[in-house]
């Protein structure tokens, strides 16, 4: 299978384009292109105007925000198949966070103006975008609740569980990103993250490995 076919298949499998349908996908792919970028690449900076809508095909991207006093943190981590920071494109507003490649990534770059033009003309694309923005709103609320109300152990457990197939109920929760980025996303230090993983292993909830923890029972981990 050639690179173009592989990229097309990855785009086709993304939840956004599954919702939008084949016609909308073809319209958006015409002026779009993919980039293979190394770890550490900054796709856009906080405060920049949105020129592209980004669909991550492979790897992980961290959204990094900078405070007034100069400190930075990871707001969210996105994986393959996900579109990130769509509101900046839809609303023609500057990006609130920066986006950095936490691993090597392949990303589809959809020109922002073309996306807005097609969004105004396609009911299917509009519906898919509403679904996308609704999922991101729920993700934001869930994260705020997690950081404000849940313990360190609960936060780590829920993060790992999201990386294990719900259908399988067990498996490796791969952690290819830098531990510092994961810890920042969870509102803790890397040392606290390491101690929490060790505590969960002691309780028999997981087994640590080179690629990431192997979760024995996803449901038990979430409700531990």
N, C-alpha and C. Protein backbone atom coordinates (compact mmCIF):
# COMPACT_ATOMS: atom_id res chain seq x y z
N UNK A 1 0.85 -1.20 0.00
CA UNK A 1 0.00 0.00 0.00
C UNK A 1 0.88 1.24 0.00
N UNK A 2 0.58 2.17 -0.91
CA UNK A 2 1.40 3.37 -1.02
C UNK A 2 1.10 4.37 0.07
N UNK A 3 1.97 5.39 0.17
CA UNK A 3 1.82 6.40 1.22
C UNK A 3 0.51 7.14 1.08
N UNK A 4 0.12 7.48 -0.17
CA UNK A 4 -1.11 8.22 -0.38
C UNK A 4 -2.31 7.41 0.08
N UNK A 5 -2.33 6.11 -0.24
CA UNK A 5 -3.43 5.25 0.18
C UNK A 5 -3.48 5.14 1.70
N UNK A 6 -2.32 5.03 2.31
CA UNK A 6 -2.26 4.94 3.76
C UNK A 6 -2.81 6.20 4.40
N UNK A 7 -2.41 7.35 3.91
CA UNK A 7 -2.91 8.62 4.44
C UNK A 7 -4.41 8.72 4.24
N UNK A 8 -4.90 8.35 3.07
CA UNK A 8 -6.34 8.41 2.79
C UNK A 8 -7.11 7.53 3.78
N UNK A 9 -6.58 6.33 4.02
CA UNK A 9 -7.25 5.41 4.94
C UNK A 9 -7.29 5.97 6.35
N UNK A 10 -6.21 6.63 6.78
CA UNK A 10 -6.19 7.22 8.12
C UNK A 10 -7.19 8.37 8.23
N UNK A 11 -7.28 9.18 7.17
CA UNK A 11 -8.26 10.28 7.16
C UNK A 11 -9.67 9.71 7.22
N UNK A 12 -9.90 8.67 6.42
CA UNK A 12 -11.24 8.07 6.32
C UNK A 12 -11.69 7.48 7.66
N UNK A 13 -10.75 6.99 8.46
CA UNK A 13 -11.09 6.37 9.74
C UNK A 13 -11.32 7.38 10.86
N UNK A 14 -10.96 8.63 10.66
CA UNK A 14 -11.10 9.62 11.73
C UNK A 14 -12.58 9.82 12.06
N UNK A 15 -12.92 9.96 13.33
CA UNK A 15 -14.32 10.16 13.72
C UNK A 15 -14.97 11.36 13.02
N UNK A 16 -14.18 12.41 12.80
CA UNK A 16 -14.74 13.61 12.18
C UNK A 16 -15.22 13.31 10.76
N UNK A 17 -14.39 12.65 9.95
CA UNK A 17 -14.78 12.39 8.57
C UNK A 17 -15.76 11.24 8.45
N UNK A 18 -15.78 10.35 9.43
CA UNK A 18 -16.83 9.34 9.43
C UNK A 18 -18.20 10.01 9.63
N UNK A 19 -18.23 11.06 10.44
CA UNK A 19 -19.47 11.80 10.66
C UNK A 19 -19.81 12.70 9.47
N UNK A 20 -18.77 13.29 8.86
CA UNK A 20 -19.01 14.24 7.76
C UNK A 20 -19.39 13.55 6.45
N UNK A 21 -18.88 12.34 6.24
CA UNK A 21 -19.21 11.61 5.02
C UNK A 21 -18.17 11.78 3.92
N UNK A 22 -18.28 10.92 2.92
CA UNK A 22 -17.27 10.85 1.85
C UNK A 22 -17.22 12.11 1.01
N UNK A 23 -18.37 12.71 0.71
CA UNK A 23 -18.39 13.89 -0.15
C UNK A 23 -17.69 15.07 0.52
N UNK A 24 -17.99 15.29 1.79
CA UNK A 24 -17.32 16.38 2.52
C UNK A 24 -15.84 16.12 2.63
N UNK A 25 -15.46 14.87 2.83
CA UNK A 25 -14.05 14.54 2.95
C UNK A 25 -13.32 14.85 1.64
N UNK A 26 -13.91 14.46 0.53
CA UNK A 26 -13.28 14.73 -0.76
C UNK A 26 -13.13 16.22 -1.00
N UNK A 27 -14.14 17.01 -0.65
CA UNK A 27 -14.07 18.46 -0.83
C UNK A 27 -12.92 19.07 -0.02
N UNK A 28 -12.74 18.60 1.22
CA UNK A 28 -11.71 19.17 2.08
C UNK A 28 -10.32 18.67 1.72
N UNK A 29 -10.24 17.48 1.16
CA UNK A 29 -8.92 16.93 0.83
C UNK A 29 -8.29 17.59 -0.39
N UNK A 30 -9.09 18.15 -1.28
CA UNK A 30 -8.56 18.68 -2.55
C UNK A 30 -7.43 19.69 -2.35
N UNK A 31 -7.59 20.70 -1.50
CA UNK A 31 -6.49 21.68 -1.33
C UNK A 31 -5.58 21.36 -0.15
N UNK A 32 -5.83 20.23 0.52
CA UNK A 32 -5.09 19.92 1.74
C UNK A 32 -3.82 19.13 1.44
N UNK A 33 -2.94 19.06 2.44
CA UNK A 33 -1.69 18.31 2.29
C UNK A 33 -1.27 17.77 3.64
N UNK A 34 -0.40 16.78 3.62
CA UNK A 34 0.10 16.19 4.86
C UNK A 34 1.55 16.58 5.09
N UNK A 35 1.93 16.61 6.36
CA UNK A 35 3.31 16.86 6.74
C UNK A 35 3.75 15.81 7.75
N UNK A 36 4.96 15.32 7.58
CA UNK A 36 5.59 14.43 8.55
C UNK A 36 6.59 15.28 9.32
N UNK A 37 6.37 15.44 10.63
CA UNK A 37 7.14 16.40 11.41
C UNK A 37 7.81 15.71 12.60
N UNK A 38 9.03 16.12 12.94
CA UNK A 38 9.74 15.49 14.06
C UNK A 38 9.21 15.95 15.42
N UNK A 39 9.52 15.17 16.43
CA UNK A 39 9.18 15.51 17.80
C UNK A 39 9.76 16.88 18.14
N UNK A 40 8.97 17.70 18.82
CA UNK A 40 9.41 19.04 19.21
C UNK A 40 8.98 20.14 18.27
N UNK A 41 8.44 19.78 17.08
CA UNK A 41 7.99 20.79 16.14
C UNK A 41 6.80 21.56 16.70
N UNK A 42 6.82 22.87 16.56
CA UNK A 42 5.69 23.70 16.96
C UNK A 42 4.84 23.97 15.73
N UNK A 43 3.60 23.49 15.75
CA UNK A 43 2.72 23.66 14.59
C UNK A 43 2.18 25.08 14.51
N UNK A 44 1.86 25.66 15.65
CA UNK A 44 1.44 27.06 15.70
C UNK A 44 1.66 27.57 17.11
N UNK A 45 1.75 28.89 17.22
CA UNK A 45 2.02 29.53 18.49
C UNK A 45 0.76 30.16 19.07
N UNK A 46 0.70 30.21 20.38
CA UNK A 46 -0.38 30.91 21.07
C UNK A 46 -0.45 32.35 20.58
N UNK A 47 -1.66 32.78 20.21
CA UNK A 47 -1.86 34.15 19.73
C UNK A 47 -1.81 34.30 18.22
N UNK A 48 -1.36 33.27 17.49
CA UNK A 48 -1.32 33.34 16.03
C UNK A 48 -2.73 33.17 15.45
N UNK A 49 -2.93 33.74 14.26
CA UNK A 49 -4.17 33.54 13.55
C UNK A 49 -4.17 32.14 12.93
N UNK A 50 -5.34 31.50 12.90
CA UNK A 50 -5.45 30.13 12.40
C UNK A 50 -5.44 30.12 10.87
N UNK A 51 -4.44 29.46 10.31
CA UNK A 51 -4.35 29.32 8.85
C UNK A 51 -4.79 27.95 8.37
N UNK A 52 -4.78 26.97 9.28
CA UNK A 52 -5.15 25.61 8.90
C UNK A 52 -5.99 24.97 10.00
N UNK A 53 -6.82 24.02 9.58
CA UNK A 53 -7.43 23.08 10.50
C UNK A 53 -6.56 21.83 10.47
N UNK A 54 -6.19 21.31 11.65
CA UNK A 54 -5.24 20.21 11.73
C UNK A 54 -5.93 18.92 12.13
N UNK A 55 -5.71 17.89 11.32
CA UNK A 55 -6.16 16.54 11.67
C UNK A 55 -4.91 15.69 11.89
N UNK A 56 -4.74 15.19 13.10
CA UNK A 56 -3.57 14.39 13.43
C UNK A 56 -3.78 12.97 12.92
N UNK A 57 -2.87 12.51 12.09
CA UNK A 57 -2.97 11.17 11.51
C UNK A 57 -2.15 10.15 12.27
N UNK A 58 -1.00 10.56 12.77
CA UNK A 58 -0.13 9.67 13.55
C UNK A 58 0.58 10.49 14.62
N UNK A 59 0.82 9.87 15.79
CA UNK A 59 1.58 10.51 16.84
C UNK A 59 0.72 11.25 17.84
N UNK A 60 1.36 12.11 18.64
CA UNK A 60 0.69 12.86 19.69
C UNK A 60 1.08 14.33 19.64
N UNK A 61 0.09 15.19 19.88
CA UNK A 61 0.30 16.64 19.93
C UNK A 61 -0.16 17.15 21.28
N UNK A 62 0.64 18.02 21.87
CA UNK A 62 0.27 18.65 23.13
C UNK A 62 -0.09 20.11 22.91
N UNK A 63 -1.20 20.53 23.49
CA UNK A 63 -1.58 21.95 23.46
C UNK A 63 -0.97 22.60 24.69
N UNK A 64 -0.12 23.58 24.47
CA UNK A 64 0.65 24.22 25.53
C UNK A 64 0.24 25.67 25.67
N UNK A 65 -0.14 26.06 26.89
CA UNK A 65 -0.55 27.44 27.16
C UNK A 65 0.48 28.14 28.02
N UNK A 66 0.66 29.43 27.77
CA UNK A 66 1.61 30.25 28.53
C UNK A 66 0.83 31.28 29.35
N UNK A 67 1.16 31.39 30.64
CA UNK A 67 0.49 32.34 31.52
C UNK A 67 1.11 33.72 31.45
N UNK A 68 0.46 34.67 32.09
CA UNK A 68 0.93 36.05 32.09
C UNK A 68 2.31 36.20 32.72
N UNK A 69 2.63 35.31 33.67
CA UNK A 69 3.92 35.37 34.36
C UNK A 69 5.00 34.56 33.66
N UNK A 70 4.67 33.97 32.51
CA UNK A 70 5.66 33.27 31.73
C UNK A 70 5.69 31.77 31.91
N UNK A 71 4.96 31.22 32.87
CA UNK A 71 4.91 29.78 33.06
C UNK A 71 4.12 29.11 31.95
N UNK A 72 4.42 27.83 31.70
CA UNK A 72 3.71 27.08 30.67
C UNK A 72 3.18 25.77 31.24
N UNK A 73 2.13 25.24 30.60
CA UNK A 73 1.61 23.94 30.98
C UNK A 73 0.96 23.29 29.77
N UNK A 74 0.81 21.97 29.83
CA UNK A 74 0.11 21.23 28.79
C UNK A 74 -1.37 21.20 29.14
N UNK A 75 -2.18 21.76 28.26
CA UNK A 75 -3.62 21.83 28.49
C UNK A 75 -4.29 20.51 28.12
N UNK A 76 -3.90 19.93 26.99
CA UNK A 76 -4.50 18.69 26.54
C UNK A 76 -3.53 17.97 25.60
N UNK A 77 -3.70 16.67 25.49
CA UNK A 77 -2.92 15.86 24.57
C UNK A 77 -3.88 15.19 23.59
N UNK A 78 -3.60 15.33 22.29
CA UNK A 78 -4.43 14.73 21.26
C UNK A 78 -3.65 13.63 20.53
N UNK A 79 -4.38 12.60 20.12
CA UNK A 79 -3.77 11.47 19.43
C UNK A 79 -4.29 11.32 18.02
N UNK A 80 -3.87 10.24 17.37
CA UNK A 80 -4.21 9.99 15.97
C UNK A 80 -5.72 9.96 15.76
N UNK A 81 -6.15 10.58 14.66
CA UNK A 81 -7.56 10.61 14.31
C UNK A 81 -8.30 11.82 14.82
N UNK A 82 -7.62 12.67 15.61
CA UNK A 82 -8.30 13.80 16.25
C UNK A 82 -7.98 15.13 15.57
N UNK A 83 -8.98 15.99 15.52
CA UNK A 83 -8.82 17.38 15.08
C UNK A 83 -8.68 18.23 16.33
N UNK A 84 -7.78 19.20 16.30
CA UNK A 84 -7.58 20.01 17.50
C UNK A 84 -7.64 21.51 17.20
N UNK A 85 -8.16 22.24 18.18
CA UNK A 85 -8.31 23.70 18.17
C UNK A 85 -9.13 24.18 16.97
N UNK A 86 -10.24 23.49 16.72
CA UNK A 86 -11.14 23.90 15.64
C UNK A 86 -11.81 25.25 15.90
N UNK A 87 -12.13 25.63 17.16
CA UNK A 87 -12.81 26.91 17.36
C UNK A 87 -12.06 28.11 16.80
N UNK A 88 -10.73 28.08 16.87
CA UNK A 88 -9.95 29.20 16.33
C UNK A 88 -10.19 29.36 14.83
N UNK A 89 -10.35 28.23 14.14
CA UNK A 89 -10.61 28.26 12.69
C UNK A 89 -12.02 28.75 12.42
N UNK A 90 -12.99 28.18 13.13
CA UNK A 90 -14.39 28.52 12.89
C UNK A 90 -14.67 29.99 13.21
N UNK A 91 -14.11 30.48 14.32
CA UNK A 91 -14.40 31.84 14.78
C UNK A 91 -13.44 32.89 14.25
N UNK A 92 -12.42 32.47 13.51
CA UNK A 92 -11.40 33.40 12.99
C UNK A 92 -10.73 34.17 14.12
N UNK A 93 -10.42 33.48 15.20
CA UNK A 93 -9.78 34.08 16.36
C UNK A 93 -8.40 33.49 16.57
N UNK A 94 -7.51 34.19 17.27
CA UNK A 94 -6.16 33.65 17.52
C UNK A 94 -6.23 32.38 18.37
N UNK A 95 -5.20 31.55 18.19
CA UNK A 95 -5.10 30.34 18.99
C UNK A 95 -4.90 30.70 20.46
N UNK A 96 -5.63 30.03 21.36
CA UNK A 96 -5.41 30.21 22.79
C UNK A 96 -4.19 29.45 23.28
N UNK A 97 -3.92 28.23 22.78
CA UNK A 97 -2.67 27.55 23.13
C UNK A 97 -1.77 27.42 21.92
N UNK A 98 -0.53 27.03 22.16
CA UNK A 98 0.37 26.58 21.10
C UNK A 98 0.17 25.08 20.92
N UNK A 99 0.66 24.54 19.81
CA UNK A 99 0.58 23.10 19.57
C UNK A 99 1.98 22.58 19.26
N UNK A 100 2.40 21.56 20.02
CA UNK A 100 3.74 21.00 19.86
C UNK A 100 3.66 19.49 19.63
N UNK A 101 4.49 18.99 18.73
CA UNK A 101 4.57 17.55 18.49
C UNK A 101 5.29 16.90 19.66
N UNK A 102 4.60 16.04 20.40
CA UNK A 102 5.20 15.33 21.53
C UNK A 102 5.90 14.06 21.09
N UNK A 103 5.60 13.62 19.87
CA UNK A 103 6.28 12.50 19.21
C UNK A 103 6.45 12.91 17.75
N UNK A 104 7.06 12.07 16.96
CA UNK A 104 7.00 12.30 15.51
C UNK A 104 5.53 12.21 15.11
N UNK A 105 5.11 13.12 14.24
CA UNK A 105 3.70 13.15 13.85
C UNK A 105 3.53 13.23 12.34
N UNK A 106 2.39 12.78 11.88
CA UNK A 106 1.92 13.06 10.53
C UNK A 106 0.59 13.78 10.69
N UNK A 107 0.46 14.93 10.04
CA UNK A 107 -0.72 15.76 10.24
C UNK A 107 -1.27 16.23 8.90
N UNK A 108 -2.59 16.22 8.78
CA UNK A 108 -3.27 16.74 7.60
C UNK A 108 -3.56 18.21 7.83
N UNK A 109 -3.14 19.05 6.88
CA UNK A 109 -3.32 20.50 6.97
C UNK A 109 -4.44 20.91 6.01
N UNK A 110 -5.57 21.35 6.57
CA UNK A 110 -6.72 21.77 5.79
C UNK A 110 -6.78 23.30 5.82
N UNK A 111 -6.65 23.98 4.69
CA UNK A 111 -6.67 25.45 4.70
C UNK A 111 -7.92 25.98 5.39
N UNK A 112 -7.73 26.92 6.32
CA UNK A 112 -8.82 27.40 7.16
C UNK A 112 -9.95 28.03 6.35
N UNK A 113 -9.61 28.85 5.38
CA UNK A 113 -10.66 29.53 4.62
C UNK A 113 -11.47 28.52 3.80
N UNK A 114 -10.79 27.53 3.24
CA UNK A 114 -11.50 26.50 2.47
C UNK A 114 -12.45 25.75 3.40
N UNK A 115 -11.99 25.44 4.61
CA UNK A 115 -12.85 24.75 5.57
C UNK A 115 -14.08 25.59 5.88
N UNK A 116 -13.89 26.88 6.13
CA UNK A 116 -15.03 27.75 6.44
C UNK A 116 -16.00 27.84 5.26
N UNK A 117 -15.47 27.91 4.04
CA UNK A 117 -16.32 27.98 2.86
C UNK A 117 -17.17 26.72 2.73
N UNK A 118 -16.53 25.55 2.93
CA UNK A 118 -17.27 24.29 2.81
C UNK A 118 -18.25 24.12 3.98
N UNK A 119 -17.88 24.63 5.14
CA UNK A 119 -18.75 24.55 6.31
C UNK A 119 -20.06 25.29 6.06
N UNK A 120 -19.99 26.42 5.38
CA UNK A 120 -21.18 27.21 5.07
C UNK A 120 -22.06 26.55 4.02
N UNK A 121 -21.46 25.65 3.22
CA UNK A 121 -22.19 25.08 2.09
C UNK A 121 -22.68 23.65 2.32
N UNK A 122 -22.15 22.97 3.33
CA UNK A 122 -22.43 21.55 3.51
C UNK A 122 -23.12 21.29 4.84
N UNK A 123 -24.34 20.76 4.80
CA UNK A 123 -25.05 20.42 6.02
C UNK A 123 -24.36 19.27 6.75
N UNK A 124 -23.86 18.29 6.01
CA UNK A 124 -23.19 17.15 6.63
C UNK A 124 -21.93 17.60 7.37
N UNK A 125 -21.17 18.50 6.74
CA UNK A 125 -19.96 19.00 7.38
C UNK A 125 -20.31 19.85 8.60
N UNK A 126 -21.38 20.61 8.51
CA UNK A 126 -21.81 21.42 9.66
C UNK A 126 -22.20 20.53 10.83
N UNK A 127 -22.92 19.46 10.56
CA UNK A 127 -23.31 18.53 11.62
C UNK A 127 -22.08 17.89 12.26
N UNK A 128 -21.13 17.47 11.42
CA UNK A 128 -19.92 16.84 11.95
C UNK A 128 -19.12 17.82 12.81
N UNK A 129 -19.11 19.08 12.40
CA UNK A 129 -18.38 20.11 13.17
C UNK A 129 -19.07 20.38 14.50
N UNK A 130 -20.39 20.40 14.51
CA UNK A 130 -21.13 20.57 15.76
C UNK A 130 -20.80 19.42 16.71
N UNK A 131 -20.77 18.20 16.17
CA UNK A 131 -20.42 17.04 16.99
C UNK A 131 -19.00 17.17 17.54
N UNK A 132 -18.08 17.60 16.69
CA UNK A 132 -16.69 17.77 17.10
C UNK A 132 -16.58 18.79 18.24
N UNK A 133 -17.19 19.95 18.07
CA UNK A 133 -17.11 20.99 19.08
C UNK A 133 -17.81 20.56 20.37
N UNK A 134 -18.88 19.79 20.24
CA UNK A 134 -19.58 19.29 21.43
C UNK A 134 -18.70 18.30 22.20
N UNK A 135 -18.00 17.43 21.48
CA UNK A 135 -17.09 16.48 22.15
C UNK A 135 -15.99 17.23 22.86
N UNK A 136 -15.46 18.28 22.23
CA UNK A 136 -14.38 19.04 22.85
C UNK A 136 -14.88 19.83 24.07
N UNK A 137 -16.12 20.30 24.03
CA UNK A 137 -16.68 20.98 25.19
C UNK A 137 -16.80 20.00 26.36
N UNK A 138 -17.28 18.79 26.08
CA UNK A 138 -17.40 17.78 27.13
C UNK A 138 -16.02 17.41 27.67
N UNK A 139 -15.04 17.32 26.77
CA UNK A 139 -13.67 17.02 27.19
C UNK A 139 -13.15 18.10 28.13
N UNK A 140 -13.42 19.37 27.81
CA UNK A 140 -12.96 20.47 28.63
C UNK A 140 -13.60 20.43 30.02
N UNK A 141 -14.92 20.22 30.06
CA UNK A 141 -15.61 20.16 31.35
C UNK A 141 -15.11 18.98 32.17
N UNK A 142 -14.93 17.84 31.53
CA UNK A 142 -14.43 16.66 32.23
C UNK A 142 -13.05 16.92 32.82
N UNK A 143 -12.21 17.61 32.06
CA UNK A 143 -10.87 17.91 32.55
C UNK A 143 -10.91 18.86 33.75
N UNK A 144 -11.77 19.88 33.70
CA UNK A 144 -11.88 20.82 34.81
C UNK A 144 -12.35 20.10 36.07
N UNK A 145 -13.36 19.24 35.93
CA UNK A 145 -13.86 18.47 37.07
C UNK A 145 -12.77 17.56 37.61
N UNK A 146 -12.04 16.92 36.70
CA UNK A 146 -10.96 16.02 37.10
C UNK A 146 -9.91 16.74 37.93
N UNK A 147 -9.48 17.91 37.47
CA UNK A 147 -8.43 18.65 38.15
C UNK A 147 -8.90 19.24 39.48
N UNK A 148 -10.18 19.62 39.54
CA UNK A 148 -10.67 20.28 40.74
C UNK A 148 -11.14 19.32 41.82
N UNK A 149 -11.65 18.14 41.43
CA UNK A 149 -12.32 17.28 42.39
C UNK A 149 -11.67 15.91 42.61
N UNK A 150 -10.92 15.41 41.65
CA UNK A 150 -10.41 14.05 41.76
C UNK A 150 -9.00 14.01 42.32
N UNK A 151 -8.69 12.91 43.00
CA UNK A 151 -7.36 12.71 43.58
C UNK A 151 -6.33 12.48 42.49
N UNK A 152 -5.08 12.57 42.86
CA UNK A 152 -3.98 12.31 41.91
C UNK A 152 -4.11 10.90 41.34
N UNK A 153 -4.38 9.93 42.20
CA UNK A 153 -4.48 8.54 41.73
C UNK A 153 -5.65 8.37 40.77
N UNK A 154 -6.77 9.02 41.07
CA UNK A 154 -7.94 8.92 40.18
C UNK A 154 -7.65 9.56 38.84
N UNK A 155 -6.95 10.69 38.83
CA UNK A 155 -6.62 11.36 37.57
C UNK A 155 -5.75 10.48 36.69
N UNK A 156 -4.73 9.88 37.29
CA UNK A 156 -3.83 9.02 36.52
C UNK A 156 -4.59 7.79 36.01
N UNK A 157 -5.42 7.21 36.85
CA UNK A 157 -6.18 6.02 36.47
C UNK A 157 -7.10 6.30 35.29
N UNK A 158 -7.80 7.43 35.33
CA UNK A 158 -8.72 7.77 34.25
C UNK A 158 -7.97 8.07 32.96
N UNK A 159 -6.82 8.70 33.06
CA UNK A 159 -6.00 8.99 31.89
C UNK A 159 -5.55 7.69 31.22
N UNK A 160 -5.07 6.75 32.03
CA UNK A 160 -4.61 5.47 31.48
C UNK A 160 -5.77 4.68 30.88
N UNK A 161 -6.91 4.71 31.54
CA UNK A 161 -8.06 3.95 31.06
C UNK A 161 -8.50 4.41 29.68
N UNK A 162 -8.38 5.70 29.42
CA UNK A 162 -8.77 6.21 28.10
C UNK A 162 -7.86 5.70 26.98
N UNK A 163 -6.71 5.16 27.34
CA UNK A 163 -5.78 4.64 26.35
C UNK A 163 -5.86 3.12 26.19
N UNK A 164 -6.84 2.53 26.85
CA UNK A 164 -7.08 1.10 26.74
C UNK A 164 -8.45 0.89 26.11
N UNK A 165 -8.55 -0.04 25.19
CA UNK A 165 -9.81 -0.31 24.51
C UNK A 165 -10.89 -0.69 25.51
N UNK A 166 -12.01 0.03 25.47
CA UNK A 166 -13.12 -0.29 26.36
C UNK A 166 -13.70 -1.66 26.02
N UNK A 167 -13.69 -1.98 24.74
CA UNK A 167 -14.22 -3.27 24.29
C UNK A 167 -13.35 -4.42 24.80
N UNK A 168 -12.01 -4.26 24.70
CA UNK A 168 -11.11 -5.31 25.16
C UNK A 168 -11.08 -5.40 26.68
N UNK A 169 -11.17 -4.25 27.34
CA UNK A 169 -11.20 -4.25 28.79
C UNK A 169 -9.86 -4.37 29.47
N UNK A 170 -8.80 -4.55 28.68
CA UNK A 170 -7.44 -4.68 29.21
C UNK A 170 -6.46 -4.43 28.08
N UNK A 171 -5.19 -4.19 28.44
CA UNK A 171 -4.17 -3.98 27.41
C UNK A 171 -3.15 -2.95 27.83
N UNK A 172 -2.26 -2.62 26.90
CA UNK A 172 -1.19 -1.67 27.17
C UNK A 172 -1.70 -0.25 26.96
N UNK A 173 -1.52 0.59 27.98
CA UNK A 173 -1.84 2.01 27.86
C UNK A 173 -0.57 2.72 27.41
N UNK A 174 -0.33 2.73 26.10
CA UNK A 174 0.91 3.27 25.56
C UNK A 174 1.09 4.73 25.95
N UNK A 175 2.31 5.07 26.38
CA UNK A 175 2.64 6.44 26.78
C UNK A 175 3.88 6.90 25.99
N UNK A 176 3.72 7.23 24.71
CA UNK A 176 4.87 7.63 23.92
C UNK A 176 5.34 9.06 24.18
N UNK A 177 4.51 9.85 24.83
CA UNK A 177 4.84 11.25 25.08
C UNK A 177 5.82 11.37 26.25
N UNK A 178 6.55 12.50 26.32
CA UNK A 178 7.42 12.74 27.48
C UNK A 178 6.60 12.73 28.77
N UNK A 179 7.16 12.12 29.81
CA UNK A 179 6.44 12.03 31.08
C UNK A 179 6.13 13.42 31.64
N UNK A 180 7.00 14.39 31.39
CA UNK A 180 6.75 15.74 31.88
C UNK A 180 5.48 16.32 31.25
N UNK A 181 5.24 16.00 29.98
CA UNK A 181 4.04 16.50 29.30
C UNK A 181 2.78 15.85 29.87
N UNK A 182 2.85 14.54 30.11
CA UNK A 182 1.70 13.83 30.68
C UNK A 182 1.41 14.36 32.08
N UNK A 183 2.47 14.54 32.88
CA UNK A 183 2.29 15.05 34.24
C UNK A 183 1.67 16.44 34.23
N UNK A 184 2.11 17.30 33.33
CA UNK A 184 1.55 18.65 33.24
C UNK A 184 0.07 18.60 32.87
N UNK A 185 -0.26 17.74 31.93
CA UNK A 185 -1.68 17.58 31.54
C UNK A 185 -2.53 17.15 32.73
N UNK A 186 -1.95 16.36 33.62
CA UNK A 186 -2.70 15.84 34.77
C UNK A 186 -2.59 16.73 36.00
N UNK A 187 -1.86 17.85 35.87
CA UNK A 187 -1.77 18.79 36.97
C UNK A 187 -0.90 18.31 38.11
N UNK A 188 0.23 17.71 37.79
CA UNK A 188 1.14 17.19 38.82
C UNK A 188 2.57 17.24 38.30
N UNK A 189 3.52 16.94 39.16
CA UNK A 189 4.92 16.88 38.76
C UNK A 189 5.24 15.50 38.21
N UNK A 190 6.30 15.38 37.41
CA UNK A 190 6.71 14.05 36.92
C UNK A 190 6.99 13.08 38.07
N UNK A 191 7.54 13.59 39.17
CA UNK A 191 7.83 12.73 40.32
C UNK A 191 6.54 12.16 40.92
N UNK A 192 5.51 13.00 41.01
CA UNK A 192 4.22 12.54 41.53
C UNK A 192 3.61 11.51 40.60
N UNK A 193 3.73 11.73 39.31
CA UNK A 193 3.22 10.76 38.33
C UNK A 193 3.92 9.41 38.51
N UNK A 194 5.24 9.41 38.65
CA UNK A 194 5.98 8.16 38.82
C UNK A 194 5.56 7.44 40.10
N UNK A 195 5.40 8.19 41.19
CA UNK A 195 4.99 7.58 42.46
C UNK A 195 3.58 7.00 42.35
N UNK A 196 2.71 7.68 41.63
CA UNK A 196 1.34 7.20 41.49
C UNK A 196 1.29 5.93 40.65
N UNK A 197 2.07 5.87 39.59
CA UNK A 197 2.14 4.65 38.79
C UNK A 197 2.65 3.49 39.63
N UNK A 198 3.66 3.75 40.46
CA UNK A 198 4.20 2.72 41.34
C UNK A 198 3.15 2.24 42.33
N UNK A 199 2.36 3.18 42.86
CA UNK A 199 1.31 2.81 43.82
C UNK A 199 0.23 1.96 43.16
N UNK A 200 -0.15 2.30 41.94
CA UNK A 200 -1.15 1.52 41.22
C UNK A 200 -0.62 0.12 40.89
N UNK A 201 0.68 0.04 40.61
CA UNK A 201 1.28 -1.28 40.36
C UNK A 201 1.27 -2.12 41.63
N UNK A 202 1.59 -1.50 42.75
CA UNK A 202 1.57 -2.21 44.04
C UNK A 202 0.17 -2.75 44.34
N UNK A 203 -0.85 -2.01 43.96
CA UNK A 203 -2.23 -2.43 44.20
C UNK A 203 -2.71 -3.47 43.18
N UNK A 204 -1.86 -3.79 42.20
CA UNK A 204 -2.23 -4.78 41.21
C UNK A 204 -3.09 -4.27 40.09
N UNK A 205 -3.20 -2.93 39.95
CA UNK A 205 -4.04 -2.37 38.90
C UNK A 205 -3.34 -2.36 37.54
N UNK A 206 -2.02 -2.39 37.54
CA UNK A 206 -1.26 -2.36 36.29
C UNK A 206 0.12 -2.96 36.50
N UNK A 207 0.79 -3.17 35.38
CA UNK A 207 2.19 -3.62 35.39
C UNK A 207 2.97 -2.70 34.47
N UNK A 208 3.97 -2.03 35.02
CA UNK A 208 4.73 -1.07 34.22
C UNK A 208 5.66 -1.77 33.24
N UNK A 209 5.80 -1.16 32.05
CA UNK A 209 6.67 -1.69 31.02
C UNK A 209 7.30 -0.58 30.22
N UNK A 210 8.12 -0.93 29.25
CA UNK A 210 8.87 0.05 28.47
C UNK A 210 7.94 0.95 27.64
N UNK A 211 6.90 0.37 27.03
CA UNK A 211 5.98 1.15 26.19
C UNK A 211 4.94 1.90 27.00
N UNK A 212 4.68 1.41 28.20
CA UNK A 212 3.65 1.99 29.04
C UNK A 212 3.06 0.92 29.94
N UNK A 213 2.21 1.30 30.87
CA UNK A 213 1.63 0.32 31.78
C UNK A 213 0.67 -0.63 31.08
N UNK A 214 0.71 -1.89 31.47
CA UNK A 214 -0.28 -2.86 31.01
C UNK A 214 -1.39 -2.92 32.05
N UNK A 215 -2.58 -2.59 31.62
CA UNK A 215 -3.75 -2.55 32.51
C UNK A 215 -4.42 -3.91 32.47
N UNK A 216 -4.61 -4.50 33.62
CA UNK A 216 -5.18 -5.84 33.69
C UNK A 216 -6.71 -5.82 33.63
N UNK A 217 -7.30 -4.79 34.19
CA UNK A 217 -8.76 -4.67 34.20
C UNK A 217 -9.10 -3.18 34.12
N UNK A 218 -9.54 -2.74 32.95
CA UNK A 218 -9.82 -1.32 32.73
C UNK A 218 -10.88 -0.81 33.68
N UNK A 219 -11.94 -1.58 33.88
CA UNK A 219 -13.03 -1.16 34.75
C UNK A 219 -12.56 -1.02 36.19
N UNK A 220 -11.74 -1.96 36.66
CA UNK A 220 -11.22 -1.89 38.04
C UNK A 220 -10.31 -0.69 38.20
N UNK A 221 -9.56 -0.35 37.15
CA UNK A 221 -8.66 0.80 37.22
C UNK A 221 -9.45 2.09 37.38
N UNK A 222 -10.50 2.23 36.58
CA UNK A 222 -11.32 3.45 36.61
C UNK A 222 -12.03 3.59 37.95
N UNK A 223 -12.46 2.49 38.53
CA UNK A 223 -13.24 2.55 39.76
C UNK A 223 -12.42 2.20 40.99
N UNK A 224 -11.08 2.27 40.86
CA UNK A 224 -10.25 1.95 42.01
C UNK A 224 -10.26 3.09 43.03
